[in-house]
Amino acid sequence: MDSQLRRKYQAEPGRQEWVTAVECISADGHVITPLIIFKGENLMNSWIPMDIVGKWKFACNCKGWTSNIHGEEWLKLCFDPATKGKAQGRYRLLICDGHDSHISAAFVRYAIDNRIVIFLLPPHSSHLLQPLDVGVFGPLKRAMSFQLSRLYGMEISRLQKIEWLEHYVQARLAAITEQNILGGWRGTGIFPRYSHRIIRQLTGISTPPPASEPTTRTLYLISSSPPDSNVLWLANTAFKDALRHTTLPSPVKKHGRKLSGIAERLHANNTILRRENAELKKVIKTRKERLSGKRIILKGQIVVSTEEIARKLADAERATEEKKAKPCQKKNKTAVRQQKRNNDELDEDSEAEEHEILDCIEVIVD
């Protein structure tokens, strides 16, 4: 192993759990609505942010993997509606990597009935021929790692499904761009068609990387408090360069270099702590808001959309309000019955008093 190579590892909190994102991109630079598959027996509305833009689809199973049923539902609910209008009755080409869910009988039957041509890539070639692997998934993984690194740095014991999905939405916006999509297609040589690109990769021919441009160092002095990290580093660099060219005693130079290093470390620690504190406050606030909301279990459906979840949530809230109103109605009815009993008792007391008066009158008459 090369001793010059260094690897950095990052610990991830809590137990690991699968989440599958079924993505599909078009050669014209567009991306199709994804299908997110969680691990679980039933979908929960608390897993899905209501502010997701677009008609995302969601599903779950006991493992969090895709299956033949999910592949068929994705073809019907995601791919077909997104591409039918563009095709205008013509055939559509769907390039797949050969997963079992792409070659099930129902999947193929639906494709044939709806003028969809399925093309399976050769085995073990997706790193060369799959546009998503070539130009999209790499930036997506890096963007997702950047999004989650702040939570991992705060040592949160367990990442919630909705938190993972919120960060995936942001990473997806940053990585699955038209530029990366078109670059993925060009990199495979599929569109525009350029077969020599793959042949050159298979034969090991590579082009040398461009030479890096020389950088120039600009010296700055600190003019703000607290200073910007780059300004502080440049100022400390200029300070240490000046120390080397002075006639000060060695202990003074050494002390100055240590002070500059301490200032940089304290500034970095302070910046990290401020950011972690703000992120923790944001996470705690968001979790409190979710706990205070209504939770519903979505049963009997393989794939659902955010519109369906919002509608079911509104129905659940309406049922809750009606249930809250019933005790008030019952209480009102009880109060009416009690008032009626009180009135009856008053009537009985009045009749008794009248009888007593009549008895007194009879005695006086006698």
Protein backbone atom coordinates (compact mmCIF):
# COMPACT_ATOMS: atom_id res chain seq x y z
CA MET A 1 0.00 0.00 0.00
CA ASP A 2 1.28 3.46 -0.89
CA SER A 3 2.33 5.24 2.31
CA GLN A 4 1.59 8.61 0.71
CA LEU A 5 -2.13 7.86 0.40
CA ARG A 6 -4.35 8.92 3.26
CA ARG A 7 -7.89 7.83 3.93
CA LYS A 8 -10.43 9.60 6.08
CA TYR A 9 -13.30 7.74 7.70
CA GLN A 10 -16.37 9.19 9.31
CA ALA A 11 -18.43 7.36 11.93
CA GLU A 12 -22.17 7.29 11.38
CA PRO A 13 -24.50 7.26 14.41
CA GLY A 14 -27.04 4.59 15.33
CA ARG A 15 -27.92 1.34 13.62
CA GLN A 16 -27.99 1.25 9.83
CA GLU A 17 -31.22 0.96 7.84
CA TRP A 18 -31.84 0.70 4.10
CA VAL A 19 -33.62 3.37 2.09
CA THR A 20 -33.92 2.92 -1.69
CA ALA A 21 -34.23 5.83 -4.11
CA VAL A 22 -35.30 4.82 -7.65
CA GLU A 23 -33.97 7.53 -9.99
CA CYS A 24 -34.20 7.93 -13.76
CA ILE A 25 -32.75 10.62 -16.04
CA SER A 26 -33.48 11.55 -19.64
CA ALA A 27 -31.05 12.29 -22.44
CA ASP A 28 -32.56 15.78 -22.77
CA GLY A 29 -31.23 16.73 -19.32
CA HIS A 30 -34.36 16.18 -17.23
CA VAL A 31 -34.89 13.93 -14.22
CA ILE A 32 -38.00 11.86 -13.58
CA THR A 33 -40.00 11.87 -10.34
CA PRO A 34 -38.26 9.49 -7.89
CA LEU A 35 -39.69 6.62 -5.86
CA ILE A 36 -38.45 6.44 -2.25
CA ILE A 37 -38.77 3.04 -0.53
CA PHE A 38 -38.45 3.01 3.28
CA LYS A 39 -38.00 0.07 5.59
CA GLY A 40 -41.22 -0.53 7.55
CA GLU A 41 -44.50 -2.39 7.64
CA ASN A 42 -46.63 0.70 6.94
CA LEU A 43 -45.87 4.19 5.70
CA MET A 44 -46.05 6.98 8.29
CA ASN A 45 -46.76 10.58 7.40
CA SER A 46 -44.10 11.60 9.93
CA TRP A 47 -41.46 10.14 7.58
CA ILE A 48 -42.30 12.48 4.70
CA PRO A 49 -41.91 16.29 4.59
CA MET A 50 -45.03 18.00 3.30
CA ASP A 51 -43.02 20.74 1.55
CA ILE A 52 -41.45 18.46 -1.08
CA VAL A 53 -41.72 20.11 -4.49
CA GLY A 54 -43.00 17.78 -7.21
CA LYS A 55 -45.04 14.60 -7.24
CA TRP A 56 -42.65 12.28 -5.41
CA LYS A 57 -43.80 8.73 -4.75
CA PHE A 58 -43.22 6.80 -1.52
CA ALA A 59 -43.46 3.15 -0.54
CA CYS A 60 -42.17 0.74 2.11
CA ASN A 61 -41.44 -2.92 2.72
CA CYS A 62 -39.79 -5.03 5.41
CA LYS A 63 -36.26 -4.50 4.02
CA GLY A 64 -36.26 -1.10 2.35
CA TRP A 65 -35.25 -2.62 -1.02
CA THR A 66 -36.95 -2.45 -4.37
CA SER A 67 -38.98 -5.45 -5.56
CA ASN A 68 -40.90 -6.64 -8.63
CA ILE A 69 -44.07 -4.94 -7.35
CA HIS A 70 -42.26 -1.66 -6.72
CA GLY A 71 -40.60 -1.82 -10.13
CA GLU A 72 -43.97 -2.25 -11.83
CA GLU A 73 -45.54 0.57 -9.81
CA TRP A 74 -42.59 2.87 -10.61
CA LEU A 75 -43.03 2.15 -14.32
CA LYS A 76 -46.77 2.92 -14.13
CA LEU A 77 -46.74 5.93 -11.77
CA CYS A 78 -43.36 7.59 -12.42
CA PHE A 79 -41.81 6.73 -15.79
CA ASP A 80 -44.90 6.40 -17.99
CA PRO A 81 -46.65 9.67 -16.97
CA ALA A 82 -43.39 11.67 -17.16
CA THR A 83 -42.43 10.51 -20.67
CA LYS A 84 -45.72 9.83 -22.46
CA GLY A 85 -46.36 13.47 -23.34
CA LYS A 86 -42.86 13.96 -24.78
CA ALA A 87 -43.05 10.78 -26.86
CA GLN A 88 -46.32 11.83 -28.55
CA GLY A 89 -47.23 8.25 -29.38
CA ARG A 90 -43.73 7.17 -30.41
CA TYR A 91 -41.69 4.41 -28.78
CA ARG A 92 -39.66 5.21 -25.66
CA LEU A 93 -36.32 3.60 -24.79
CA LEU A 94 -35.77 2.63 -21.14
CA ILE A 95 -32.18 1.61 -20.34
CA CYS A 96 -31.97 -0.63 -17.25
CA ASP A 97 -29.09 -2.26 -15.40
CA GLY A 98 -30.62 -5.76 -15.36
CA HIS A 99 -32.06 -5.83 -11.84
CA ASP A 100 -34.72 -8.52 -11.27
CA SER A 101 -37.42 -5.86 -10.87
CA HIS A 102 -36.69 -4.71 -14.46
CA ILE A 103 -37.36 -8.08 -16.06
CA SER A 104 -40.46 -9.30 -14.24
CA ALA A 105 -43.38 -10.51 -16.34
CA ALA A 106 -45.67 -7.65 -15.26
CA PHE A 107 -42.93 -5.06 -15.91
CA VAL A 108 -42.26 -6.35 -19.43
CA ARG A 109 -45.97 -6.76 -20.21
CA TYR A 110 -46.74 -3.17 -19.24
CA ALA A 111 -43.78 -1.92 -21.30
CA ILE A 112 -44.96 -3.81 -24.40
CA ASP A 113 -48.55 -2.57 -24.02
CA ASN A 114 -47.42 1.06 -23.70
CA ARG A 115 -44.76 1.28 -26.44
CA ILE A 116 -41.77 1.19 -24.07
CA VAL A 117 -38.62 -0.57 -25.32
CA ILE A 118 -36.51 -2.08 -22.51
CA PHE A 119 -32.75 -2.26 -23.08
CA LEU A 120 -30.64 -4.15 -20.52
CA LEU A 121 -26.99 -3.19 -20.07
CA PRO A 122 -24.36 -5.97 -20.12
CA PRO A 123 -23.48 -7.37 -16.66
CA HIS A 124 -20.81 -5.51 -14.65
CA SER A 125 -20.78 -2.56 -17.05
CA SER A 126 -22.88 0.04 -15.23
CA HIS A 127 -19.76 1.96 -14.12
CA LEU A 128 -19.06 2.59 -17.83
CA LEU A 129 -22.46 2.54 -19.54
CA GLN A 130 -24.97 3.70 -16.92
CA PRO A 131 -25.28 7.53 -17.20
CA LEU A 132 -26.40 7.81 -13.57
CA ASP A 133 -23.30 5.97 -12.34
CA VAL A 134 -20.99 7.90 -14.65
CA GLY A 135 -22.09 11.48 -14.06
CA VAL A 136 -24.78 11.78 -11.38
CA PHE A 137 -24.44 9.38 -8.46
CA GLY A 138 -20.89 10.50 -7.66
CA PRO A 139 -21.86 14.16 -7.12
CA LEU A 140 -25.05 12.99 -5.37
CA LYS A 141 -23.09 10.92 -2.84
CA ARG A 142 -20.71 13.79 -2.16
CA ALA A 143 -23.59 16.24 -1.74
CA MET A 144 -25.39 13.82 0.59
CA SER A 145 -22.24 13.31 2.69
CA PHE A 146 -21.85 17.06 2.96
CA GLN A 147 -25.48 17.46 4.03
CA LEU A 148 -25.24 14.75 6.71
CA SER A 149 -21.76 15.64 7.96
CA ARG A 150 -23.18 18.45 10.10
CA LEU A 151 -25.54 16.06 11.88
CA TYR A 152 -22.81 13.45 12.34
CA GLY A 153 -20.51 16.11 13.75
CA MET A 154 -23.11 16.93 16.42
CA GLU A 155 -23.05 13.25 17.54
CA ILE A 156 -26.80 12.77 17.16
CA SER A 157 -27.51 9.21 18.31
CA ARG A 158 -30.12 8.38 15.66
CA LEU A 159 -31.04 9.92 12.32
CA GLN A 160 -34.78 10.04 11.67
CA LYS A 161 -36.21 8.99 8.31
CA ILE A 162 -37.67 12.42 7.65
CA GLU A 163 -34.31 14.06 8.43
CA TRP A 164 -32.56 11.76 5.96
CA LEU A 165 -35.18 12.57 3.31
CA GLU A 166 -34.92 16.32 3.90
CA HIS A 167 -31.16 16.18 3.35
CA TYR A 168 -31.60 13.92 0.31
CA VAL A 169 -33.91 16.52 -1.24
CA GLN A 170 -31.23 19.19 -0.81
CA ALA A 171 -28.45 16.93 -2.10
CA ARG A 172 -30.59 15.95 -5.08
CA LEU A 173 -31.15 19.59 -6.02
CA ALA A 174 -27.41 20.25 -5.83
CA ALA A 175 -26.24 17.12 -7.71
CA ILE A 176 -28.90 16.01 -10.19
CA THR A 177 -28.57 19.04 -12.44
CA GLU A 178 -28.93 19.34 -16.19
CA GLN A 179 -25.17 19.76 -16.53
CA ASN A 180 -24.40 16.54 -14.62
CA ILE A 181 -27.14 14.62 -16.44
CA LEU A 182 -25.88 15.61 -19.90
CA GLY A 183 -22.32 14.92 -18.75
CA GLY A 184 -23.32 11.41 -17.67
CA TRP A 185 -24.81 10.66 -21.09
CA ARG A 186 -21.73 12.04 -22.86
CA GLY A 187 -19.43 10.08 -20.56
CA THR A 188 -21.04 6.78 -21.53
CA GLY A 189 -20.86 7.53 -25.25
CA ILE A 190 -24.55 6.63 -25.61
CA PHE A 191 -25.84 10.11 -26.44
CA PRO A 192 -24.37 11.66 -28.43
CA ARG A 193 -23.19 8.26 -29.67
CA TYR A 194 -19.42 7.93 -29.38
CA SER A 195 -18.36 4.31 -28.97
CA HIS A 196 -14.62 5.08 -29.00
CA ARG A 197 -14.96 6.71 -25.58
CA ILE A 198 -15.74 3.37 -23.91
CA ILE A 199 -13.20 1.50 -26.02
CA ARG A 200 -10.52 3.94 -24.91
CA GLN A 201 -11.45 3.38 -21.26
CA LEU A 202 -11.38 -0.39 -21.67
CA THR A 203 -7.90 -0.29 -23.24
CA GLY A 204 -6.55 1.86 -20.41
CA ILE A 205 -5.76 4.92 -22.55
CA SER A 206 -6.10 8.07 -20.52
CA THR A 207 -5.34 11.72 -21.04
CA PRO A 208 -3.02 13.53 -18.64
CA PRO A 209 -4.72 15.92 -16.23
CA PRO A 210 -4.33 19.64 -16.97
CA ALA A 211 -1.49 21.37 -15.21
CA SER A 212 -2.57 23.36 -12.19
CA GLU A 213 -2.16 27.10 -12.36
CA PRO A 214 0.34 28.69 -10.00
CA THR A 215 -1.21 30.43 -7.04
CA THR A 216 -0.12 33.72 -5.62
CA ARG A 217 -0.21 34.54 -1.92
CA THR A 218 -1.70 37.86 -0.92
CA LEU A 219 -0.85 39.26 2.48
CA TYR A 220 -3.62 40.73 4.61
CA LEU A 221 -3.88 42.28 8.02
CA ILE A 222 -6.78 41.65 10.39
CA SER A 223 -9.32 44.45 10.08
CA SER A 224 -12.44 42.90 11.67
CA SER A 225 -13.33 41.16 14.91
CA PRO A 226 -13.91 38.25 14.86
CA PRO A 227 -11.88 37.86 11.67
CA ASP A 228 -12.75 35.66 8.71
CA SER A 229 -10.91 32.32 8.80
CA ASN A 230 -9.10 32.98 5.51
CA VAL A 231 -8.10 36.46 6.60
CA LEU A 232 -6.78 35.10 9.91
CA TRP A 233 -4.76 32.38 8.16
CA LEU A 234 -3.25 34.83 5.68
CA ALA A 235 -2.46 37.32 8.44
CA ASN A 236 -0.77 34.62 10.55
CA THR A 237 1.22 33.46 7.52
CA ALA A 238 2.41 37.01 6.90
CA PHE A 239 3.20 37.39 10.59
CA LYS A 240 5.34 34.23 10.67
CA ASP A 241 7.14 35.22 7.49
CA ALA A 242 7.95 38.58 9.07
CA LEU A 243 9.22 36.85 12.21
CA ARG A 244 11.70 34.81 10.21
CA HIS A 245 13.28 37.95 8.76
CA THR A 246 13.61 39.83 12.05
CA THR A 247 16.48 39.94 14.54
CA LEU A 248 14.27 39.13 17.52
CA PRO A 249 15.47 36.46 19.97
CA SER A 250 14.49 32.86 19.15
CA PRO A 251 12.16 32.47 22.19
CA VAL A 252 10.19 35.50 21.02
CA LYS A 253 9.86 34.08 17.51
CA LYS A 254 8.78 30.71 18.88
CA HIS A 255 6.23 32.34 21.16
CA GLY A 256 4.81 34.36 18.26
CA ARG A 257 4.43 31.25 16.08
CA LYS A 258 2.63 29.40 18.89
CA LEU A 259 0.28 32.32 19.50
CA SER A 260 -0.67 32.41 15.81
CA GLY A 261 -1.40 28.66 15.84
CA ILE A 262 -3.47 28.96 19.01
CA ALA A 263 -5.49 31.79 17.47
CA GLU A 264 -6.30 29.69 14.39
CA ARG A 265 -7.35 26.65 16.45
CA LEU A 266 -9.52 28.70 18.80
CA HIS A 267 -11.15 30.47 15.87
CA ALA A 268 -11.86 27.14 14.15
CA ASN A 269 -13.26 25.57 17.34
CA ASN A 270 -15.42 28.61 18.00
CA THR A 271 -16.81 28.53 14.45
CA ILE A 272 -17.58 24.81 14.67
CA LEU A 273 -19.27 25.16 18.07
CA ARG A 274 -21.43 28.06 16.87
CA ARG A 275 -22.54 26.11 13.82
CA GLU A 276 -23.22 22.93 15.82
CA ASN A 277 -25.21 24.93 18.37
CA ALA A 278 -27.35 26.48 15.64
CA GLU A 279 -27.89 23.12 13.94
CA LEU A 280 -28.83 21.41 17.22
CA LYS A 281 -31.35 24.13 18.01
CA LYS A 282 -32.83 23.72 14.55
CA VAL A 283 -33.06 19.92 14.87
CA ILE A 284 -34.63 20.08 18.35
CA LYS A 285 -37.16 22.68 17.23
CA THR A 286 -38.09 20.65 14.14
CA ARG A 287 -38.50 17.45 16.17
CA LYS A 288 -40.75 19.20 18.69
CA GLU A 289 -42.95 20.53 15.90
CA ARG A 290 -43.27 17.06 14.38
CA LEU A 291 -44.15 15.44 17.71
CA SER A 292 -46.93 17.96 18.23
CA GLY A 293 -48.54 17.14 14.88
CA LYS A 294 -51.03 14.44 13.94
CA ARG A 295 -49.58 11.03 13.03
CA ILE A 296 -51.37 8.62 10.74
CA ILE A 297 -50.57 5.14 9.44
CA LEU A 298 -51.02 4.62 5.69
CA LYS A 299 -52.26 1.08 5.07
CA GLY A 300 -53.50 -0.80 2.04
CA GLN A 301 -51.41 1.08 -0.57
CA ILE A 302 -48.14 0.04 -2.17
CA VAL A 303 -47.13 3.49 -3.42
CA VAL A 304 -48.50 6.87 -2.30
CA SER A 305 -47.79 10.49 -3.18
CA THR A 306 -47.49 13.61 -1.05
CA GLU A 307 -50.94 14.77 -2.25
CA GLU A 308 -52.55 11.57 -0.95
CA ILE A 309 -50.72 11.89 2.37
CA ALA A 310 -51.85 15.49 2.78
CA ARG A 311 -55.45 14.50 2.01
CA LYS A 312 -55.40 11.63 4.54
CA LEU A 313 -53.82 13.91 7.13
CA ALA A 314 -56.57 16.50 6.60
CA ASP A 315 -59.21 13.77 7.00
CA ALA A 316 -57.57 12.60 10.22
CA GLU A 317 -57.46 16.13 11.61
CA ARG A 318 -61.12 16.65 10.67
CA ALA A 319 -62.07 13.42 12.46
CA THR A 320 -60.12 14.53 15.52
CA GLU A 321 -61.94 17.86 15.62
CA GLU A 322 -65.31 16.10 15.34
CA LYS A 323 -64.32 13.73 18.12
CA LYS A 324 -63.37 16.69 20.31
CA ALA A 325 -66.73 18.32 19.64
CA LYS A 326 -68.76 15.26 20.75
CA PRO A 327 -67.91 15.50 24.49
CA CYS A 328 -69.02 19.13 24.41
CA GLN A 329 -72.36 18.11 22.90
CA LYS A 330 -72.72 15.34 25.47
CA LYS A 331 -71.90 17.79 28.23
CA ASN A 332 -74.55 20.20 26.94
CA LYS A 333 -77.15 17.43 26.89
CA THR A 334 -76.26 16.47 30.46
CA ALA A 335 -76.61 20.08 31.58
CA VAL A 336 -80.07 20.30 29.98
CA ARG A 337 -81.20 17.12 31.75
CA GLN A 338 -79.86 18.41 35.08
CA GLN A 339 -81.65 21.73 34.59
CA LYS A 340 -84.87 19.85 33.85
CA ARG A 341 -84.51 17.81 37.04
CA ASN A 342 -83.90 20.99 39.03
CA ASN A 343 -87.02 22.56 37.55
CA ASP A 344 -89.07 19.45 38.41
CA GLU A 345 -87.80 19.57 41.99
CA LEU A 346 -88.73 23.25 42.23
CA ASP A 347 -92.23 22.44 40.95
CA GLU A 348 -92.61 19.69 43.57
CA ASP A 349 -91.48 22.06 46.34
CA SER A 350 -93.97 24.69 45.18
CA GLU A 351 -96.81 22.14 45.19
CA ALA A 352 -95.85 21.03 48.73
CA GLU A 353 -95.89 24.62 49.97
CA GLU A 354 -99.31 25.19 48.39
CA HIS A 355 -100.68 22.10 50.17
CA GLU A 356 -99.31 23.32 53.50
CA ILE A 357 -101.00 26.74 53.00
CA LEU A 358 -104.29 25.09 52.12
CA ASP A 359 -104.09 22.93 55.26
CA CYS A 360 -103.55 26.03 57.37
CA ILE A 361 -106.55 27.74 55.75
CA GLU A 362 -108.74 24.70 56.46
CA VAL A 363 -107.64 24.68 60.08
CA ILE A 364 -108.50 28.36 60.47
CA VAL A 365 -111.87 27.90 58.81
CA ASP A 366 -112.68 24.99 61.10
